[in-house]
Amino acid sequence: MNFANLTTEKRNAASANIDKVSTLEMVKIINDEDKKVASAVEKVLPQIAKAVDIIAEKISNGGKIFYIGAGTSGRLGVLDASECPPTFGVENNLVQGIIAGGNYALTNAVEGAEDNKNLAVEDLQEKNFSAADVLVGIAASGRTPYVISAIEYAKKTGAITVGVSCVENSALAKIVDIEITPVTGAEVVTGSTRMKAGTATKMVLNMLTTGAMIRLGKVYGNLMVDVRATNEKLRDRAKRIVMAATGCDESTAIDALNKSEGHAKTAISVIVG
């Protein structure tokens, strides 16, 4: 497999002497390259919107969304999935992240996991993945065997598949139902896709889940009315959400939240009737 032709593996002329410049100039080079990421994501907004609508529809019909990836890509999927329950009050298994090598791989390199095609199928079967669900394969290069195998399996079940990669015309893009490819180009440190590619991936995943949750009524205006108030910060946020949504004073908001077991959306209903 020849990786040399991948744009994410090419050397970046802008950072060729990054080891010789001042620290301020070093971080400026990184920042200048990061500025290009939002533009790359902007170019694929129609594909992201299409995926959001399908994900929302599938969830409405009882399906789940699964992210699957290896290394940085897998960790980003797990991160986004883990933030959905506290932010939107959904069940822990509604959005799931699967990383090659399992939970150990979240903090450690697992040699060979990303090349194991059988492991991907086993991981999906263990999660009872079905045609009702959506699989989002994440691979900066668009050619990770673990992810490709997962997508192939998902397609056999009849499920909708989405591919997030940062290289044009990748193997992943060619086999998914919806291709999301923000082309971020050469990295500041050659091949380090935890940088621009990782940032672009995080931005896309943010949009997929946030967009779907908005479509599902988990956001009122721009307020996270289904937030789980599980600590002091979130309890204070729930109070401010109720106050902002209803125009009530603090004591009224607290009283309504107490009657609603801390659930902001219910408290709002209590106040407005």
C-alpha atoms as a PDB file:
ATOM      1  CA  MET A   1       0.000   0.000   0.000  1.00  0.00           C
ATOM      2  CA  ASN A   2       1.594   3.287  -1.108  1.00  0.00           C
ATOM      3  CA  PHE A   3       0.915   6.090   1.343  1.00  0.00           C
ATOM      4  CA  ALA A   4       3.387   8.543  -0.166  1.00  0.00           C
ATOM      5  CA  ASN A   5       0.816   9.994  -2.560  1.00  0.00           C
ATOM      6  CA  LEU A   6      -1.698  10.840   0.156  1.00  0.00           C
ATOM      7  CA  THR A   7      -2.004  14.598   0.693  1.00  0.00           C
ATOM      8  CA  THR A   8      -1.994  14.033   4.453  1.00  0.00           C
ATOM      9  CA  GLU A   9       1.431  12.374   4.132  1.00  0.00           C
ATOM     10  CA  LYS A  10       3.113  15.041   1.980  1.00  0.00           C
ATOM     11  CA  ARG A  11       5.629  17.541   3.346  1.00  0.00           C
ATOM     12  CA  ASN A  12       4.330  21.037   4.014  1.00  0.00           C
ATOM     13  CA  ALA A  13       6.556  23.745   2.534  1.00  0.00           C
ATOM     14  CA  ALA A  14       5.231  26.298   5.019  1.00  0.00           C
ATOM     15  CA  SER A  15       6.654  24.345   7.963  1.00  0.00           C
ATOM     16  CA  ALA A  16       9.844  23.038   6.373  1.00  0.00           C
ATOM     17  CA  ASN A  17      12.032  25.030   8.799  1.00  0.00           C
ATOM     18  CA  ILE A  18       9.738  24.963  11.813  1.00  0.00           C
ATOM     19  CA  ASP A  19      12.483  23.469  13.976  1.00  0.00           C
ATOM     20  CA  LYS A  20      14.735  26.487  13.360  1.00  0.00           C
ATOM     21  CA  VAL A  21      12.380  29.418  14.011  1.00  0.00           C
ATOM     22  CA  SER A  22      11.448  31.129  17.281  1.00  0.00           C
ATOM     23  CA  THR A  23       8.705  29.614  19.396  1.00  0.00           C
ATOM     24  CA  LEU A  24       6.364  32.463  18.521  1.00  0.00           C
ATOM     25  CA  GLU A  25       6.969  31.924  14.812  1.00  0.00           C
ATOM     26  CA  MET A  26       6.521  28.184  15.320  1.00  0.00           C
ATOM     27  CA  VAL A  27       3.053  28.535  16.810  1.00  0.00           C
ATOM     28  CA  LYS A  28       2.157  31.155  14.181  1.00  0.00           C
ATOM     29  CA  ILE A  29       2.950  28.619  11.447  1.00  0.00           C
ATOM     30  CA  ILE A  30       0.705  26.077  13.161  1.00  0.00           C
ATOM     31  CA  ASN A  31      -2.047  28.653  13.597  1.00  0.00           C
ATOM     32  CA  ASP A  32      -1.843  29.731   9.952  1.00  0.00           C
ATOM     33  CA  GLU A  33      -2.296  26.133   8.860  1.00  0.00           C
ATOM     34  CA  ASP A  34      -5.175  25.647  11.290  1.00  0.00           C
ATOM     35  CA  LYS A  35      -6.976  28.596   9.689  1.00  0.00           C
ATOM     36  CA  LYS A  36      -7.349  26.486   6.553  1.00  0.00           C
ATOM     37  CA  VAL A  37      -9.344  23.786   8.332  1.00  0.00           C
ATOM     38  CA  ALA A  38     -12.665  25.642   8.631  1.00  0.00           C
ATOM     39  CA  SER A  39     -12.531  26.458   4.928  1.00  0.00           C
ATOM     40  CA  ALA A  40     -12.019  22.796   4.075  1.00  0.00           C
ATOM     41  CA  VAL A  41     -15.014  21.834   6.217  1.00  0.00           C
ATOM     42  CA  GLU A  42     -17.127  24.591   4.674  1.00  0.00           C
ATOM     43  CA  LYS A  43     -16.752  22.955   1.270  1.00  0.00           C
ATOM     44  CA  VAL A  44     -18.460  19.773   2.458  1.00  0.00           C
ATOM     45  CA  LEU A  45     -21.392  21.328   4.344  1.00  0.00           C
ATOM     46  CA  PRO A  46     -23.997  19.930   1.894  1.00  0.00           C
ATOM     47  CA  GLN A  47     -22.788  16.388   2.579  1.00  0.00           C
ATOM     48  CA  ILE A  48     -22.737  17.024   6.320  1.00  0.00           C
ATOM     49  CA  ALA A  49     -26.314  18.355   6.182  1.00  0.00           C
ATOM     50  CA  LYS A  50     -27.450  15.283   4.258  1.00  0.00           C
ATOM     51  CA  ALA A  51     -25.888  13.016   6.870  1.00  0.00           C
ATOM     52  CA  VAL A  52     -27.484  15.009   9.720  1.00  0.00           C
ATOM     53  CA  ASP A  53     -30.962  14.572   8.261  1.00  0.00           C
ATOM     54  CA  ILE A  54     -30.489  10.841   7.747  1.00  0.00           C
ATOM     55  CA  ILE A  55     -29.074  10.342  11.247  1.00  0.00           C
ATOM     56  CA  ALA A  56     -32.006  12.226  12.788  1.00  0.00           C
ATOM     57  CA  GLU A  57     -34.461  10.152  10.762  1.00  0.00           C
ATOM     58  CA  LYS A  58     -32.833   6.870  11.749  1.00  0.00           C
ATOM     59  CA  ILE A  59     -32.781   7.829  15.435  1.00  0.00           C
ATOM     60  CA  SER A  60     -36.450   8.838  15.221  1.00  0.00           C
ATOM     61  CA  ASN A  61     -37.183   5.340  13.941  1.00  0.00           C
ATOM     62  CA  GLY A  62     -35.332   3.627  16.780  1.00  0.00           C
ATOM     63  CA  GLY A  63     -31.858   3.421  15.251  1.00  0.00           C
ATOM     64  CA  LYS A  64     -28.485   4.358  16.707  1.00  0.00           C
ATOM     65  CA  ILE A  65     -25.369   6.082  15.368  1.00  0.00           C
ATOM     66  CA  PHE A  66     -22.003   4.360  15.562  1.00  0.00           C
ATOM     67  CA  TYR A  67     -18.595   5.937  14.981  1.00  0.00           C
ATOM     68  CA  ILE A  68     -15.758   3.595  14.125  1.00  0.00           C
ATOM     69  CA  GLY A  69     -12.075   4.343  13.633  1.00  0.00           C
ATOM     70  CA  ALA A  70      -8.505   3.620  14.680  1.00  0.00           C
ATOM     71  CA  GLY A  71      -6.003   5.783  16.544  1.00  0.00           C
ATOM     72  CA  THR A  72      -6.843   9.490  16.599  1.00  0.00           C
ATOM     73  CA  SER A  73      -9.900   8.942  14.408  1.00  0.00           C
ATOM     74  CA  GLY A  74     -11.285   6.340  16.783  1.00  0.00           C
ATOM     75  CA  ARG A  75     -10.589   8.501  19.834  1.00  0.00           C
ATOM     76  CA  LEU A  76     -12.424  11.451  18.285  1.00  0.00           C
ATOM     77  CA  GLY A  77     -15.448   9.261  17.631  1.00  0.00           C
ATOM     78  CA  VAL A  78     -15.485   7.992  21.212  1.00  0.00           C
ATOM     79  CA  LEU A  79     -15.092  11.560  22.490  1.00  0.00           C
ATOM     80  CA  ASP A  80     -18.041  12.879  20.498  1.00  0.00           C
ATOM     81  CA  ALA A  81     -20.229   9.923  21.440  1.00  0.00           C
ATOM     82  CA  SER A  82     -19.433  10.238  25.148  1.00  0.00           C
ATOM     83  CA  GLU A  83     -20.470  13.897  25.204  1.00  0.00           C
ATOM     84  CA  CYS A  84     -23.977  13.280  23.855  1.00  0.00           C
ATOM     85  CA  PRO A  85     -25.686  11.875  26.995  1.00  0.00           C
ATOM     86  CA  PRO A  86     -24.778  14.758  29.347  1.00  0.00           C
ATOM     87  CA  THR A  87     -25.335  17.428  26.689  1.00  0.00           C
ATOM     88  CA  PHE A  88     -28.572  16.197  25.161  1.00  0.00           C
ATOM     89  CA  GLY A  89     -29.970  13.825  27.795  1.00  0.00           C
ATOM     90  CA  VAL A  90     -29.972  10.812  25.480  1.00  0.00           C
ATOM     91  CA  GLU A  91     -29.375   7.196  26.443  1.00  0.00           C
ATOM     92  CA  ASN A  92     -25.739   6.152  26.733  1.00  0.00           C
ATOM     93  CA  ASN A  93     -26.033   3.704  23.829  1.00  0.00           C
ATOM     94  CA  LEU A  94     -27.705   6.045  21.336  1.00  0.00           C
ATOM     95  CA  VAL A  95     -24.386   7.361  20.006  1.00  0.00           C
ATOM     96  CA  GLN A  96     -21.525   4.898  20.347  1.00  0.00           C
ATOM     97  CA  GLY A  97     -17.851   5.158  19.525  1.00  0.00           C
ATOM     98  CA  ILE A  98     -15.829   2.091  18.586  1.00  0.00           C
ATOM     99  CA  ILE A  99     -12.035   2.220  18.423  1.00  0.00           C
ATOM    100  CA  ALA A 100      -9.765  -0.469  17.021  1.00  0.00           C
ATOM    101  CA  GLY A 101      -8.169  -2.214  19.976  1.00  0.00           C
ATOM    102  CA  GLY A 102     -10.975  -1.378  22.426  1.00  0.00           C
ATOM    103  CA  ASN A 103     -10.910   0.939  25.414  1.00  0.00           C
ATOM    104  CA  TYR A 104      -7.208   0.243  26.021  1.00  0.00           C
ATOM    105  CA  ALA A 105      -6.518   1.974  22.697  1.00  0.00           C
ATOM    106  CA  LEU A 106      -7.965   5.241  23.984  1.00  0.00           C
ATOM    107  CA  THR A 107      -4.747   5.936  25.854  1.00  0.00           C
ATOM    108  CA  ASN A 108      -2.314   3.469  24.308  1.00  0.00           C
ATOM    109  CA  ALA A 109      -1.137   2.483  20.843  1.00  0.00           C
ATOM    110  CA  VAL A 110      -2.392  -0.976  19.911  1.00  0.00           C
ATOM    111  CA  GLU A 111      -0.079  -2.375  17.260  1.00  0.00           C
ATOM    112  CA  GLY A 112      -1.793  -3.867  14.247  1.00  0.00           C
ATOM    113  CA  ALA A 113      -5.365  -3.144  15.403  1.00  0.00           C
ATOM    114  CA  GLU A 114      -6.095  -0.791  12.516  1.00  0.00           C
ATOM    115  CA  ASP A 115      -5.088  -3.480   9.994  1.00  0.00           C
ATOM    116  CA  ASN A 116      -7.337  -6.161  11.495  1.00  0.00           C
ATOM    117  CA  LYS A 117     -10.378  -6.499   9.225  1.00  0.00           C
ATOM    118  CA  ASN A 118     -11.980  -9.324  11.192  1.00  0.00           C
ATOM    119  CA  LEU A 119     -11.805  -7.301  14.397  1.00  0.00           C
ATOM    120  CA  ALA A 120     -14.014  -4.589  12.900  1.00  0.00           C
ATOM    121  CA  VAL A 121     -16.775  -7.061  12.093  1.00  0.00           C
ATOM    122  CA  GLU A 122     -16.517  -8.640  15.538  1.00  0.00           C
ATOM    123  CA  ASP A 123     -16.744  -5.214  17.199  1.00  0.00           C
ATOM    124  CA  LEU A 124     -19.900  -4.310  15.277  1.00  0.00           C
ATOM    125  CA  GLN A 125     -21.518  -7.670  15.947  1.00  0.00           C
ATOM    126  CA  GLU A 126     -20.752  -7.309  19.643  1.00  0.00           C
ATOM    127  CA  LYS A 127     -22.678  -4.014  19.577  1.00  0.00           C
ATOM    128  CA  ASN A 128     -25.618  -5.664  17.765  1.00  0.00           C
ATOM    129  CA  PHE A 129     -25.247  -3.262  14.850  1.00  0.00           C
ATOM    130  CA  SER A 130     -28.162  -3.576  12.424  1.00  0.00           C
ATOM    131  CA  ALA A 131     -29.807  -2.101   9.333  1.00  0.00           C
ATOM    132  CA  ALA A 132     -31.692   0.328  11.569  1.00  0.00           C
ATOM    133  CA  ASP A 133     -28.441   2.056  12.515  1.00  0.00           C
ATOM    134  CA  VAL A 134     -25.982   4.459  10.860  1.00  0.00           C
ATOM    135  CA  LEU A 135     -22.259   3.720  10.720  1.00  0.00           C
ATOM    136  CA  VAL A 136     -19.818   6.621  10.431  1.00  0.00           C
ATOM    137  CA  GLY A 137     -16.390   5.376   9.415  1.00  0.00           C
ATOM    138  CA  ILE A 138     -13.567   7.774  10.332  1.00  0.00           C
ATOM    139  CA  ALA A 139     -10.128   7.552   8.731  1.00  0.00           C
ATOM    140  CA  ALA A 140      -7.922  10.537   7.896  1.00  0.00           C
ATOM    141  CA  SER A 141      -6.291   8.600   5.040  1.00  0.00           C
ATOM    142  CA  GLY A 142      -9.568   7.065   3.939  1.00  0.00           C
ATOM    143  CA  ARG A 143      -7.970   3.651   3.633  1.00  0.00           C
ATOM    144  CA  THR A 144      -7.664   2.141   7.120  1.00  0.00           C
ATOM    145  CA  PRO A 145      -8.448  -1.597   6.715  1.00  0.00           C
ATOM    146  CA  TYR A 146     -10.325  -1.787  10.030  1.00  0.00           C
ATOM    147  CA  VAL A 147     -12.669   1.017   8.952  1.00  0.00           C
ATOM    148  CA  ILE A 148     -13.100  -0.218   5.376  1.00  0.00           C
ATOM    149  CA  SER A 149     -14.042  -3.657   6.664  1.00  0.00           C
ATOM    150  CA  ALA A 150     -16.556  -2.159   9.078  1.00  0.00           C
ATOM    151  CA  ILE A 151     -18.232  -0.179   6.291  1.00  0.00           C
ATOM    152  CA  GLU A 152     -18.390  -3.251   4.059  1.00  0.00           C
ATOM    153  CA  TYR A 153     -20.060  -5.214   6.833  1.00  0.00           C
ATOM    154  CA  ALA A 154     -22.521  -2.403   7.546  1.00  0.00           C
ATOM    155  CA  LYS A 155     -23.505  -2.214   3.899  1.00  0.00           C
ATOM    156  CA  LYS A 156     -24.234  -5.943   3.895  1.00  0.00           C
ATOM    157  CA  THR A 157     -26.700  -5.396   6.731  1.00  0.00           C
ATOM    158  CA  GLY A 158     -28.444  -2.706   4.709  1.00  0.00           C
ATOM    159  CA  ALA A 159     -27.438   0.133   7.033  1.00  0.00           C
ATOM    160  CA  ILE A 160     -26.656   3.675   5.892  1.00  0.00           C
ATOM    161  CA  THR A 161     -22.929   4.408   5.891  1.00  0.00           C
ATOM    162  CA  VAL A 162     -21.037   7.700   6.161  1.00  0.00           C
ATOM    163  CA  GLY A 163     -17.323   8.157   5.558  1.00  0.00           C
ATOM    164  CA  VAL A 164     -15.249  10.963   7.097  1.00  0.00           C
ATOM    165  CA  SER A 165     -11.764  11.298   5.640  1.00  0.00           C
ATOM    166  CA  CYS A 166      -9.372  14.043   4.575  1.00  0.00           C
ATOM    167  CA  VAL A 167      -8.043  12.665   1.283  1.00  0.00           C
ATOM    168  CA  GLU A 168      -9.828  13.025  -2.042  1.00  0.00           C
ATOM    169  CA  ASN A 169     -11.012   9.923  -3.905  1.00  0.00           C
ATOM    170  CA  SER A 170     -10.157   7.619  -1.023  1.00  0.00           C
ATOM    171  CA  ALA A 171     -11.145   3.990  -0.776  1.00  0.00           C
ATOM    172  CA  LEU A 172     -13.512   4.913   2.062  1.00  0.00           C
ATOM    173  CA  ALA A 173     -15.201   7.660   0.052  1.00  0.00           C
ATOM    174  CA  LYS A 174     -15.860   5.273  -2.814  1.00  0.00           C
ATOM    175  CA  ILE A 175     -17.859   2.748  -0.793  1.00  0.00           C
ATOM    176  CA  VAL A 176     -19.987   4.822   1.616  1.00  0.00           C
ATOM    177  CA  ASP A 177     -23.458   6.218   0.992  1.00  0.00           C
ATOM    178  CA  ILE A 178     -22.416   9.717   2.083  1.00  0.00           C
ATOM    179  CA  GLU A 179     -18.849  10.929   1.592  1.00  0.00           C
ATOM    180  CA  ILE A 180     -17.626  13.750   3.830  1.00  0.00           C
ATOM    181  CA  THR A 181     -14.131  14.744   2.759  1.00  0.00           C
ATOM    182  CA  PRO A 182     -12.671  18.006   4.081  1.00  0.00           C
ATOM    183  CA  VAL A 183      -9.311  18.073   2.299  1.00  0.00           C
ATOM    184  CA  THR A 184      -6.930  19.569   4.840  1.00  0.00           C
ATOM    185  CA  GLY A 185      -3.678  19.010   2.932  1.00  0.00           C
ATOM    186  CA  ALA A 186      -0.182  18.447   4.255  1.00  0.00           C
ATOM    187  CA  GLU A 187       0.294  18.582   8.005  1.00  0.00           C
ATOM    188  CA  VAL A 188       2.675  20.921   9.846  1.00  0.00           C
ATOM    189  CA  VAL A 189       4.512  17.844  11.106  1.00  0.00           C
ATOM    190  CA  THR A 190       4.535  15.488   8.138  1.00  0.00           C
ATOM    191  CA  GLY A 191       1.930  12.764   8.470  1.00  0.00           C
ATOM    192  CA  SER A 192       0.705  13.882  11.912  1.00  0.00           C
ATOM    193  CA  THR A 193      -3.016  13.699  11.173  1.00  0.00           C
ATOM    194  CA  ARG A 194      -3.834  14.398  14.823  1.00  0.00           C
ATOM    195  CA  MET A 195      -3.365  18.030  13.755  1.00  0.00           C
ATOM    196  CA  LYS A 196      -5.335  19.548  10.829  1.00  0.00           C
ATOM    197  CA  ALA A 197      -7.074  16.339   9.824  1.00  0.00           C
ATOM    198  CA  GLY A 198      -7.988  15.672  13.446  1.00  0.00           C
ATOM    199  CA  THR A 199      -9.346  19.191  13.880  1.00  0.00           C
ATOM    200  CA  ALA A 200     -11.452  18.917  10.732  1.00  0.00           C
ATOM    201  CA  THR A 201     -12.775  15.534  11.854  1.00  0.00           C
ATOM    202  CA  LYS A 202     -13.771  16.934  15.255  1.00  0.00           C
ATOM    203  CA  MET A 203     -15.610  19.792  13.560  1.00  0.00           C
ATOM    204  CA  VAL A 204     -17.522  17.387  11.318  1.00  0.00           C
ATOM    205  CA  LEU A 205     -18.483  15.072  14.183  1.00  0.00           C
ATOM    206  CA  ASN A 206     -19.652  18.079  16.219  1.00  0.00           C
ATOM    207  CA  MET A 207     -22.008  18.989  13.390  1.00  0.00           C
ATOM    208  CA  LEU A 208     -23.310  15.449  12.878  1.00  0.00           C
ATOM    209  CA  THR A 209     -24.462  14.892  16.448  1.00  0.00           C
ATOM    210  CA  THR A 210     -25.359  18.474  17.318  1.00  0.00           C
ATOM    211  CA  GLY A 211     -27.296  18.879  14.069  1.00  0.00           C
ATOM    212  CA  ALA A 212     -29.171  15.622  14.589  1.00  0.00           C
ATOM    213  CA  MET A 213     -30.027  16.501  18.190  1.00  0.00           C
ATOM    214  CA  ILE A 214     -31.334  19.909  17.128  1.00  0.00           C
ATOM    215  CA  ARG A 215     -33.546  18.200  14.538  1.00  0.00           C
ATOM    216  CA  LEU A 216     -34.783  15.835  17.271  1.00  0.00           C
ATOM    217  CA  GLY A 217     -35.885  18.706  19.534  1.00  0.00           C
ATOM    218  CA  LYS A 218     -33.063  18.419  22.037  1.00  0.00           C
ATOM    219  CA  VAL A 219     -32.301  22.130  21.664  1.00  0.00           C
ATOM    220  CA  TYR A 220     -34.746  25.022  22.230  1.00  0.00           C
ATOM    221  CA  GLY A 221     -33.479  28.133  20.461  1.00  0.00           C
ATOM    222  CA  ASN A 222     -29.823  27.582  21.199  1.00  0.00           C
ATOM    223  CA  LEU A 223     -30.395  26.215  24.704  1.00  0.00           C
ATOM    224  CA  MET A 224     -29.521  22.619  25.674  1.00  0.00           C
ATOM    225  CA  VAL A 225     -32.832  22.020  27.410  1.00  0.00           C
ATOM    226  CA  ASP A 226     -32.237  18.281  27.872  1.00  0.00           C
ATOM    227  CA  VAL A 227     -28.909  18.734  29.672  1.00  0.00           C
ATOM    228  CA  ARG A 228     -28.320  16.268  32.508  1.00  0.00           C
ATOM    229  CA  ALA A 229     -27.706  18.371  35.610  1.00  0.00           C
ATOM    230  CA  THR A 230     -25.295  15.959  37.288  1.00  0.00           C
ATOM    231  CA  ASN A 231     -22.916  18.423  38.948  1.00  0.00           C
ATOM    232  CA  GLU A 232     -22.904  21.955  40.333  1.00  0.00           C
ATOM    233  CA  LYS A 233     -21.860  23.556  37.050  1.00  0.00           C
ATOM    234  CA  LEU A 234     -24.601  21.789  35.103  1.00  0.00           C
ATOM    235  CA  ARG A 235     -27.221  22.498  37.763  1.00  0.00           C
ATOM    236  CA  ASP A 236     -26.360  26.170  37.469  1.00  0.00           C
ATOM    237  CA  ARG A 237     -26.553  25.899  33.685  1.00  0.00           C
ATOM    238  CA  ALA A 238     -29.982  24.253  33.893  1.00  0.00           C
ATOM    239  CA  LYS A 239     -31.165  27.126  36.085  1.00  0.00           C
ATOM    240  CA  ARG A 240     -29.889  29.714  33.614  1.00  0.00           C
ATOM    241  CA  ILE A 241     -31.476  27.807  30.720  1.00  0.00           C
ATOM    242  CA  VAL A 242     -34.874  27.878  32.421  1.00  0.00           C
ATOM    243  CA  MET A 243     -34.516  31.586  33.175  1.00  0.00           C
ATOM    244  CA  ALA A 244     -33.469  32.382  29.599  1.00  0.00           C
ATOM    245  CA  ALA A 245     -36.272  30.331  28.041  1.00  0.00           C
ATOM    246  CA  THR A 246     -39.072  31.668  30.239  1.00  0.00           C
ATOM    247  CA  GLY A 247     -37.891  35.069  31.451  1.00  0.00           C
ATOM    248  CA  CYS A 248     -38.530  33.999  35.050  1.00  0.00           C
ATOM    249  CA  ASP A 249     -36.469  34.979  38.079  1.00  0.00           C
ATOM    250  CA  GLU A 250     -33.915  32.744  39.788  1.00  0.00           C
ATOM    251  CA  SER A 251     -36.131  31.523  42.615  1.00  0.00           C
ATOM    252  CA  THR A 252     -38.904  30.539  40.189  1.00  0.00           C
ATOM    253  CA  ALA A 253     -36.412  28.619  38.064  1.00  0.00           C
ATOM    254  CA  ILE A 254     -34.996  26.773  41.074  1.00  0.00           C
ATOM    255  CA  ASP A 255     -38.465  25.880  42.321  1.00  0.00           C
ATOM    256  CA  ALA A 256     -39.499  24.558  38.896  1.00  0.00           C
ATOM    257  CA  LEU A 257     -36.303  22.517  38.601  1.00  0.00           C
ATOM    258  CA  ASN A 258     -36.860  21.005  42.038  1.00  0.00           C
ATOM    259  CA  LYS A 259     -40.327  19.933  40.933  1.00  0.00           C
ATOM    260  CA  SER A 260     -38.876  18.518  37.684  1.00  0.00           C
ATOM    261  CA  GLU A 261     -35.985  16.491  39.137  1.00  0.00           C
ATOM    262  CA  GLY A 262     -33.519  18.958  37.635  1.00  0.00           C
ATOM    263  CA  HIS A 263     -34.758  18.537  34.042  1.00  0.00           C
ATOM    264  CA  ALA A 264     -34.706  21.948  32.346  1.00  0.00           C
ATOM    265  CA  LYS A 265     -37.197  21.126  29.595  1.00  0.00           C
ATOM    266  CA  THR A 266     -39.754  19.878  32.108  1.00  0.00           C
ATOM    267  CA  ALA A 267     -39.151  22.885  34.348  1.00  0.00           C
ATOM    268  CA  ILE A 268     -39.818  25.195  31.427  1.00  0.00           C
ATOM    269  CA  SER A 269     -43.105  23.385  30.818  1.00  0.00           C
ATOM    270  CA  VAL A 270     -44.008  23.794  34.500  1.00  0.00           C
ATOM    271  CA  ILE A 271     -43.506  27.544  34.268  1.00  0.00           C
ATOM    272  CA  VAL A 272     -45.152  28.257  30.922  1.00  0.00           C
ATOM    273  CA  GLY A 273     -47.947  25.774  31.496  1.00  0.00           C
END
